[in-house]
């Protein structure tokens, strides 16, 4: 049970929701131990490595590394949606309204924070936590317990996932960015046709209103790209 326990506990340390400060450390340890015990029937045929043997250190590094990689991958999915919120907030002119994000210990804009909260709700409602636990259990088939952490890391190819998530974040924000670019183009034409109008005084309320309308219209469609990204991330650790 020690090796699945370490891998699951590492996931709980890095994955969103599970790594929240509102989730007590003792509860994480107890839940990781319970999941490791419940997953024992599906982990038959794994290599037997003694805890006191010479290969124990390498096995510990591998379990912790793979668990952190799973949690980091889920964190990338959240970051893709937050990137879309950052791009939309920049176009709306709301990037100056930034807040301190205690989960990341960094500043984030209001729109990115809102998108991050919506992603967290979707993660729970659409059983994203169960998908993560399934990925942990399936990862023992793709990456069995041994000392080859670098080989497992090369097999994951997380760099390709990062490129896909960056592109996905831009695609999520594309409809609202297109709307706001059209509004800015219209305001530019108005400033040329009627120079006496103060575009700066009317431009911000218009872009803000159009941005809020765009978020209201496109937010119900966020579940499809989010689930596609989650399946793409989970597939890395579920395939053999």
Protein backbone atom coordinates (compact mmCIF):
# COMPACT_ATOMS: atom_id res chain seq x y z
CA UNK A 1 0.00 0.00 0.00
CA UNK A 2 2.93 2.37 0.53
CA UNK A 3 3.64 3.12 -3.15
CA UNK A 4 0.00 3.89 -4.20
CA UNK A 5 -0.36 5.92 -1.01
CA UNK A 6 2.64 8.10 -1.88
CA UNK A 7 1.45 8.65 -5.46
CA UNK A 8 -2.09 9.58 -4.40
CA UNK A 9 -0.84 11.86 -1.63
CA UNK A 10 1.40 13.66 -4.14
CA UNK A 11 -1.65 14.21 -6.37
CA UNK A 12 -3.53 15.71 -3.44
CA UNK A 13 -0.59 18.03 -2.83
CA UNK A 14 -0.53 19.51 -6.36
CA UNK A 15 -4.02 19.10 -7.88
CA UNK A 16 -6.57 21.94 -7.59
CA UNK A 17 -9.44 21.53 -5.10
CA UNK A 18 -7.54 18.71 -3.35
CA UNK A 19 -4.64 21.02 -2.50
CA UNK A 20 -6.91 23.76 -1.16
CA UNK A 21 -6.04 25.17 2.25
CA UNK A 22 -9.63 24.46 3.26
CA UNK A 23 -8.85 20.72 2.90
CA UNK A 24 -7.00 19.74 6.12
CA UNK A 25 -3.70 17.89 5.75
CA UNK A 26 -4.83 15.08 8.04
CA UNK A 27 -7.94 14.59 5.91
CA UNK A 28 -5.77 14.38 2.77
CA UNK A 29 -3.54 11.74 4.35
CA UNK A 30 -6.53 9.70 5.56
CA UNK A 31 -8.29 9.93 2.19
CA UNK A 32 -5.10 8.98 0.33
CA UNK A 33 -4.68 5.93 2.57
CA UNK A 34 -8.32 4.93 2.07
CA UNK A 35 -8.07 5.23 -1.74
CA UNK A 36 -4.80 3.27 -1.77
CA UNK A 37 -6.48 0.51 0.23
CA UNK A 38 -9.57 0.49 -2.01
CA UNK A 39 -7.44 0.37 -5.18
CA UNK A 40 -5.53 -2.75 -4.11
CA UNK A 41 -7.69 -5.27 -6.10
CA UNK A 42 -6.97 -3.41 -9.36
CA UNK A 43 -3.22 -3.18 -8.76
CA UNK A 44 -2.36 -6.85 -9.18
CA UNK A 45 0.89 -7.72 -10.90
CA UNK A 46 2.86 -4.69 -9.72
CA UNK A 47 6.57 -5.17 -8.99
CA UNK A 48 7.32 -5.87 -5.34
CA UNK A 49 9.84 -3.40 -3.92
CA UNK A 50 10.74 -3.57 -0.26
CA UNK A 51 10.53 -0.36 1.73
CA UNK A 52 13.88 -1.12 3.34
CA UNK A 53 15.52 -2.36 0.13
CA UNK A 54 18.14 -0.57 -1.96
CA UNK A 55 15.59 0.41 -4.61
CA UNK A 56 13.18 2.08 -2.18
CA UNK A 57 14.57 5.60 -2.67
CA UNK A 58 14.16 5.40 -6.43
CA UNK A 59 10.60 4.09 -6.04
CA UNK A 60 9.73 6.93 -3.66
CA UNK A 61 11.06 9.51 -6.12
CA UNK A 62 9.05 7.92 -8.94
CA UNK A 63 5.77 7.79 -7.00
CA UNK A 64 6.05 11.36 -5.77
CA UNK A 65 7.13 12.61 -9.20
CA UNK A 66 4.29 10.90 -11.08
CA UNK A 67 1.75 12.09 -8.51
CA UNK A 68 2.98 15.67 -8.78
CA UNK A 69 2.87 15.38 -12.59
CA UNK A 70 -0.80 14.32 -12.46
CA UNK A 71 -1.67 17.21 -10.16
CA UNK A 72 0.33 19.64 -12.30
CA UNK A 73 -1.50 18.47 -15.43
CA UNK A 74 -4.90 19.14 -13.83
CA UNK A 75 -3.58 22.53 -12.72
CA UNK A 76 -2.70 23.27 -16.36
CA UNK A 77 -6.33 22.66 -17.36
CA UNK A 78 -7.45 25.27 -14.84
CA UNK A 79 -4.72 27.62 -16.05
CA UNK A 80 -5.98 27.36 -19.63
CA UNK A 81 -9.42 28.64 -18.61
CA UNK A 82 -7.85 31.33 -16.41
CA UNK A 83 -5.73 32.39 -19.39
CA UNK A 84 -8.94 32.88 -21.35
CA UNK A 85 -10.23 35.05 -18.51
CA UNK A 86 -7.03 37.10 -18.53
CA UNK A 87 -7.31 37.72 -22.28
CA UNK A 88 -10.98 38.72 -21.97
CA UNK A 89 -10.24 40.97 -18.99
CA UNK A 90 -7.46 42.69 -20.93
CA UNK A 91 -9.84 43.42 -23.82
CA UNK A 92 -12.53 44.65 -21.42
CA UNK A 93 -10.10 46.93 -19.60
CA UNK A 94 -10.52 45.11 -16.28
CA UNK A 95 -6.96 43.84 -15.89
CA UNK A 96 -6.23 46.72 -13.54
CA UNK A 97 -8.74 45.17 -11.11
CA UNK A 98 -6.42 42.45 -9.82
CA UNK A 99 -6.68 40.46 -6.60
CA UNK A 100 -4.28 38.33 -4.61
CA UNK A 101 -4.89 34.64 -5.26
CA UNK A 102 -3.89 32.70 -2.11
CA UNK A 103 -3.95 29.36 -3.93
CA UNK A 104 -1.17 30.47 -6.30
CA UNK A 105 0.39 33.24 -4.16
CA UNK A 106 0.16 35.66 -7.07
CA UNK A 107 -1.98 38.45 -8.49
CA UNK A 108 -4.87 37.55 -10.80
CA UNK A 109 -7.40 39.71 -12.58
CA UNK A 110 -11.07 39.77 -11.64
CA UNK A 111 -12.20 38.03 -14.83
CA UNK A 112 -9.52 35.33 -14.53
CA UNK A 113 -10.53 34.75 -10.91
CA UNK A 114 -14.17 34.45 -11.96
CA UNK A 115 -13.31 31.95 -14.69
CA UNK A 116 -11.20 30.01 -12.21
CA UNK A 117 -14.11 29.76 -9.78
CA UNK A 118 -16.45 28.60 -12.55
CA UNK A 119 -13.88 25.99 -13.55
CA UNK A 120 -13.72 24.74 -9.96
CA UNK A 121 -17.52 24.40 -9.91
CA UNK A 122 -17.45 22.50 -13.21
CA UNK A 123 -14.66 20.29 -11.89
CA UNK A 124 -16.80 19.15 -8.97
CA UNK A 125 -20.16 19.01 -10.74
CA UNK A 126 -18.84 17.06 -13.75
CA UNK A 127 -17.01 14.53 -11.55
CA UNK A 128 -13.57 15.84 -12.36
CA UNK A 129 -12.32 14.61 -8.98
CA UNK A 130 -13.36 11.07 -9.91
CA UNK A 131 -11.54 11.42 -13.23
CA UNK A 132 -8.37 12.39 -11.36
CA UNK A 133 -8.65 9.39 -9.04
CA UNK A 134 -9.25 7.14 -12.05
CA UNK A 135 -6.12 8.59 -13.68
CA UNK A 136 -4.10 7.78 -10.56
CA UNK A 137 -5.27 4.17 -10.53
CA UNK A 138 -4.80 3.76 -14.29
CA UNK A 139 -1.34 5.32 -14.09
CA UNK A 140 -0.06 2.17 -12.38
CA UNK A 141 -0.67 0.30 -15.64
CA UNK A 142 1.10 2.91 -17.78
CA UNK A 143 3.82 3.64 -15.20
CA UNK A 144 4.29 0.64 -12.88
CA UNK A 145 6.21 0.88 -9.64
CA UNK A 146 9.93 0.93 -10.47
CA UNK A 147 12.82 3.40 -10.40
CA UNK A 148 12.52 4.78 -13.95
CA UNK A 149 11.06 8.20 -13.18
CA UNK A 150 12.94 9.95 -16.00
CA UNK A 151 11.69 7.36 -18.48
CA UNK A 152 8.12 7.90 -17.25
CA UNK A 153 8.55 11.67 -17.51
CA UNK A 154 9.75 11.37 -21.10
CA UNK A 155 6.78 9.15 -21.92
CA UNK A 156 4.27 11.71 -20.54
CA UNK A 157 5.37 14.50 -22.93
CA UNK A 158 3.86 17.23 -20.76
CA UNK A 159 5.36 19.91 -22.98
CA UNK A 160 2.95 19.00 -25.80
CA UNK A 161 0.03 19.29 -23.38
CA UNK A 162 1.19 22.78 -22.40
CA UNK A 163 1.09 23.91 -26.03
CA UNK A 164 -2.40 22.44 -26.49
CA UNK A 165 -3.70 24.12 -23.34
CA UNK A 166 -2.31 27.50 -24.39
CA UNK A 167 -4.09 27.19 -27.73
CA UNK A 168 -7.28 26.03 -25.98
CA UNK A 169 -7.26 29.06 -23.69
CA UNK A 170 -7.09 31.38 -26.69
CA UNK A 171 -9.89 29.45 -28.44
CA UNK A 172 -12.14 29.77 -25.36
CA UNK A 173 -11.63 33.52 -25.29
CA UNK A 174 -11.86 33.99 -29.08
CA UNK A 175 -15.64 34.75 -29.34
CA UNK A 176 -15.47 37.46 -26.67
CA UNK A 177 -12.24 38.86 -28.06
CA UNK A 178 -13.87 39.10 -31.51
CA UNK A 179 -16.87 40.94 -30.06
CA UNK A 180 -14.68 43.41 -28.18
CA UNK A 181 -12.45 44.01 -31.21
CA UNK A 182 -15.57 44.82 -33.25
CA UNK A 183 -16.66 47.27 -30.53
CA UNK A 184 -13.25 48.95 -30.51
CA UNK A 185 -13.36 49.22 -34.30
CA UNK A 186 -16.82 50.82 -34.10
CA UNK A 187 -15.60 53.28 -31.47
CA UNK A 188 -12.64 54.17 -33.69
CA UNK A 189 -15.00 54.92 -36.59
CA UNK A 190 -17.23 57.02 -34.29
CA UNK A 191 -14.21 59.03 -33.09
CA UNK A 192 -13.33 59.82 -36.70
CA UNK A 193 -16.88 60.67 -37.78
CA UNK A 194 -17.74 62.72 -34.68
CA UNK A 195 -14.50 64.06 -33.16
CA UNK A 196 -16.47 66.14 -30.64
CA UNK A 197 -17.55 62.98 -28.85
CA UNK A 198 -15.32 61.92 -25.98
CA UNK A 199 -14.58 58.31 -26.89
CA UNK A 200 -12.67 57.71 -23.67
CA UNK A 201 -15.72 58.53 -21.55
CA UNK A 202 -18.11 56.28 -23.47
CA UNK A 203 -15.66 53.60 -24.60
CA UNK A 204 -15.05 51.97 -21.22
CA UNK A 205 -18.75 51.53 -20.28
CA UNK A 206 -19.53 50.13 -23.74
CA UNK A 207 -16.64 47.64 -23.76
CA UNK A 208 -17.46 46.63 -20.20
CA UNK A 209 -21.13 46.05 -21.01
CA UNK A 210 -20.34 44.11 -24.21
CA UNK A 211 -17.77 42.02 -22.34
CA UNK A 212 -20.25 41.12 -19.59
CA UNK A 213 -22.86 40.21 -22.20
CA UNK A 214 -20.31 38.06 -24.03
CA UNK A 215 -19.37 36.25 -20.80
CA UNK A 216 -23.05 35.66 -20.04
CA UNK A 217 -23.66 34.19 -23.49
CA UNK A 218 -20.54 32.03 -23.75
CA UNK A 219 -20.21 30.84 -20.14
CA UNK A 220 -22.85 28.05 -20.48
CA UNK A 221 -20.73 26.58 -23.29
CA UNK A 222 -17.60 26.33 -21.12
CA UNK A 223 -18.30 22.73 -20.09
CA UNK A 224 -17.44 21.21 -23.48
CA UNK A 225 -13.90 22.63 -23.86
CA UNK A 226 -13.25 21.99 -20.17
CA UNK A 227 -14.21 18.31 -20.44
CA UNK A 228 -12.19 17.97 -23.65
CA UNK A 229 -9.12 19.36 -21.86
CA UNK A 230 -9.68 17.09 -18.85
CA UNK A 231 -9.97 14.02 -21.08
CA UNK A 232 -6.82 15.07 -22.94
CA UNK A 233 -4.96 15.43 -19.64
CA UNK A 234 -6.26 12.18 -18.12
CA UNK A 235 -5.44 10.24 -21.29
CA UNK A 236 -1.73 10.88 -20.71
CA UNK A 237 -1.77 8.72 -17.58
CA UNK A 238 -4.51 6.25 -18.57
CA UNK A 239 -2.97 4.95 -21.79
CA UNK A 240 -0.40 2.18 -21.77
